[in-house]
Amino acid sequence: MSKSGILEALRDEEKSLKTQLVAIQRAIEAIELADAPAPAGRGKKKARKVVVVAAPKRKRPMTEEQRQAISERMRKYWASRREEKAGQ
């Protein structure tokens, strides 16, 4: 192996080790920050999420006349559907 090949391999290994070192340092910092006590005093309040709940819909009872009208419409509807199906 030539000198340039050896130097290139060593430089690649150095880059890899530096990347690992940075990752380890960040992990250590994260652990230290997690163990640190909360700062004393008043901090900023977090914004609350506003949850909007829709009012329940009330059911309006149908009169007998309304039921009869719906019933008649549906009879006509299904009769026409049967005629269309029979005609095909």
C-alpha atoms as a PDB file:
ATOM      1  CA  MET A   1       0.000   0.000   0.000  1.00  0.00           C
ATOM      2  CA  SER A   2       1.334   3.430  -0.893  1.00  0.00           C
ATOM      3  CA  LYS A   3       1.841   6.334   1.493  1.00  0.00           C
ATOM      4  CA  SER A   4      -1.064   8.248  -0.013  1.00  0.00           C
ATOM      5  CA  GLY A   5      -3.374   5.253   0.426  1.00  0.00           C
ATOM      6  CA  ILE A   6      -2.351   4.870   4.048  1.00  0.00           C
ATOM      7  CA  LEU A   7      -2.817   8.603   4.709  1.00  0.00           C
ATOM      8  CA  GLU A   8      -6.249   8.567   3.082  1.00  0.00           C
ATOM      9  CA  ALA A   9      -7.344   5.553   5.172  1.00  0.00           C
ATOM     10  CA  LEU A  10      -6.094   7.228   8.354  1.00  0.00           C
ATOM     11  CA  ARG A  11      -7.879  10.485   7.509  1.00  0.00           C
ATOM     12  CA  ASP A  12     -11.124   8.565   6.876  1.00  0.00           C
ATOM     13  CA  GLU A  13     -10.744   6.823  10.234  1.00  0.00           C
ATOM     14  CA  GLU A  14     -10.051  10.187  11.909  1.00  0.00           C
ATOM     15  CA  LYS A  15     -13.273  11.659  10.440  1.00  0.00           C
ATOM     16  CA  SER A  16     -15.230   8.654  11.646  1.00  0.00           C
ATOM     17  CA  LEU A  17     -13.813   8.941  15.165  1.00  0.00           C
ATOM     18  CA  LYS A  18     -14.517  12.696  15.288  1.00  0.00           C
ATOM     19  CA  THR A  19     -18.138  12.046  14.293  1.00  0.00           C
ATOM     20  CA  GLN A  20     -18.447   9.449  17.049  1.00  0.00           C
ATOM     21  CA  LEU A  21     -16.850  11.822  19.574  1.00  0.00           C
ATOM     22  CA  VAL A  22     -19.356  14.585  18.744  1.00  0.00           C
ATOM     23  CA  ALA A  23     -22.252  12.133  19.114  1.00  0.00           C
ATOM     24  CA  ILE A  24     -20.954  10.971  22.502  1.00  0.00           C
ATOM     25  CA  GLN A  25     -20.485  14.561  23.709  1.00  0.00           C
ATOM     26  CA  ARG A  26     -24.039  15.451  22.703  1.00  0.00           C
ATOM     27  CA  ALA A  27     -25.392  12.397  24.529  1.00  0.00           C
ATOM     28  CA  ILE A  28     -23.484  13.379  27.683  1.00  0.00           C
ATOM     29  CA  GLU A  29     -24.835  16.943  27.491  1.00  0.00           C
ATOM     30  CA  ALA A  30     -28.387  15.678  27.058  1.00  0.00           C
ATOM     31  CA  ILE A  31     -28.088  13.423  30.112  1.00  0.00           C
ATOM     32  CA  GLU A  32     -26.590  16.221  32.201  1.00  0.00           C
ATOM     33  CA  LEU A  33     -29.370  18.626  31.196  1.00  0.00           C
ATOM     34  CA  ALA A  34     -32.024  16.051  32.046  1.00  0.00           C
ATOM     35  CA  ASP A  35     -30.586  15.646  35.559  1.00  0.00           C
ATOM     36  CA  ALA A  36     -30.235  19.398  36.175  1.00  0.00           C
ATOM     37  CA  PRO A  37     -32.752  20.930  38.582  1.00  0.00           C
ATOM     38  CA  ALA A  38     -35.438  23.196  37.175  1.00  0.00           C
ATOM     39  CA  PRO A  39     -34.568  26.902  37.328  1.00  0.00           C
ATOM     40  CA  ALA A  40     -36.050  28.758  40.270  1.00  0.00           C
ATOM     41  CA  GLY A  41     -38.532  31.549  39.780  1.00  0.00           C
ATOM     42  CA  ARG A  42     -41.341  32.078  37.382  1.00  0.00           C
ATOM     43  CA  GLY A  43     -41.006  30.915  33.853  1.00  0.00           C
ATOM     44  CA  LYS A  44     -43.052  31.488  30.777  1.00  0.00           C
ATOM     45  CA  LYS A  45     -46.447  29.904  30.774  1.00  0.00           C
ATOM     46  CA  LYS A  46     -47.116  27.497  27.986  1.00  0.00           C
ATOM     47  CA  ALA A  47     -50.039  28.303  25.761  1.00  0.00           C
ATOM     48  CA  ARG A  48     -53.016  26.099  26.453  1.00  0.00           C
ATOM     49  CA  LYS A  49     -54.719  24.283  23.673  1.00  0.00           C
ATOM     50  CA  VAL A  50     -58.283  25.354  23.295  1.00  0.00           C
ATOM     51  CA  VAL A  51     -60.618  22.445  22.804  1.00  0.00           C
ATOM     52  CA  VAL A  52     -63.947  23.342  21.310  1.00  0.00           C
ATOM     53  CA  VAL A  53     -66.667  20.824  21.945  1.00  0.00           C
ATOM     54  CA  ALA A  54     -69.758  21.051  19.801  1.00  0.00           C
ATOM     55  CA  ALA A  55     -73.038  21.178  21.648  1.00  0.00           C
ATOM     56  CA  PRO A  56     -74.985  17.952  21.324  1.00  0.00           C
ATOM     57  CA  LYS A  57     -77.643  18.080  18.667  1.00  0.00           C
ATOM     58  CA  ARG A  58     -81.078  17.610  20.042  1.00  0.00           C
ATOM     59  CA  LYS A  59     -83.441  15.258  18.345  1.00  0.00           C
ATOM     60  CA  ARG A  60     -86.662  16.757  17.181  1.00  0.00           C
ATOM     61  CA  PRO A  61     -89.504  14.277  17.260  1.00  0.00           C
ATOM     62  CA  MET A  62     -91.421  13.787  14.016  1.00  0.00           C
ATOM     63  CA  THR A  63     -95.130  14.188  13.871  1.00  0.00           C
ATOM     64  CA  GLU A  64     -97.302  11.395  12.532  1.00  0.00           C
ATOM     65  CA  GLU A  65     -97.928  13.415   9.349  1.00  0.00           C
ATOM     66  CA  GLN A  66     -94.193  13.748   8.737  1.00  0.00           C
ATOM     67  CA  ARG A  67     -93.676  10.018   9.180  1.00  0.00           C
ATOM     68  CA  GLN A  68     -96.497   9.274   6.740  1.00  0.00           C
ATOM     69  CA  ALA A  69     -95.046  11.691   4.157  1.00  0.00           C
ATOM     70  CA  ILE A  70     -91.617  10.069   4.399  1.00  0.00           C
ATOM     71  CA  SER A  71     -93.150   6.619   4.198  1.00  0.00           C
ATOM     72  CA  GLU A  72     -95.064   7.517   1.024  1.00  0.00           C
ATOM     73  CA  ARG A  73     -91.974   9.052  -0.621  1.00  0.00           C
ATOM     74  CA  MET A  74     -89.916   5.952   0.154  1.00  0.00           C
ATOM     75  CA  ARG A  75     -92.598   3.614  -1.215  1.00  0.00           C
ATOM     76  CA  LYS A  76     -92.594   5.564  -4.483  1.00  0.00           C
ATOM     77  CA  TYR A  77     -88.780   5.628  -4.564  1.00  0.00           C
ATOM     78  CA  TRP A  78     -88.424   1.867  -4.102  1.00  0.00           C
ATOM     79  CA  ALA A  79     -91.221   1.127  -6.544  1.00  0.00           C
ATOM     80  CA  SER A  80     -89.416   3.156  -9.214  1.00  0.00           C
ATOM     81  CA  ARG A  81     -86.159   1.322  -8.418  1.00  0.00           C
ATOM     82  CA  ARG A  82     -87.869  -2.053  -8.842  1.00  0.00           C
ATOM     83  CA  GLU A  83     -89.344  -0.940 -12.190  1.00  0.00           C
ATOM     84  CA  GLU A  84     -85.917   0.227 -13.417  1.00  0.00           C
ATOM     85  CA  LYS A  85     -84.317  -3.045 -12.375  1.00  0.00           C
ATOM     86  CA  ALA A  86     -87.075  -5.107 -14.033  1.00  0.00           C
ATOM     87  CA  GLY A  87     -86.767  -3.082 -17.238  1.00  0.00           C
ATOM     88  CA  GLN A  88     -83.058  -3.821 -17.675  1.00  0.00           C
END
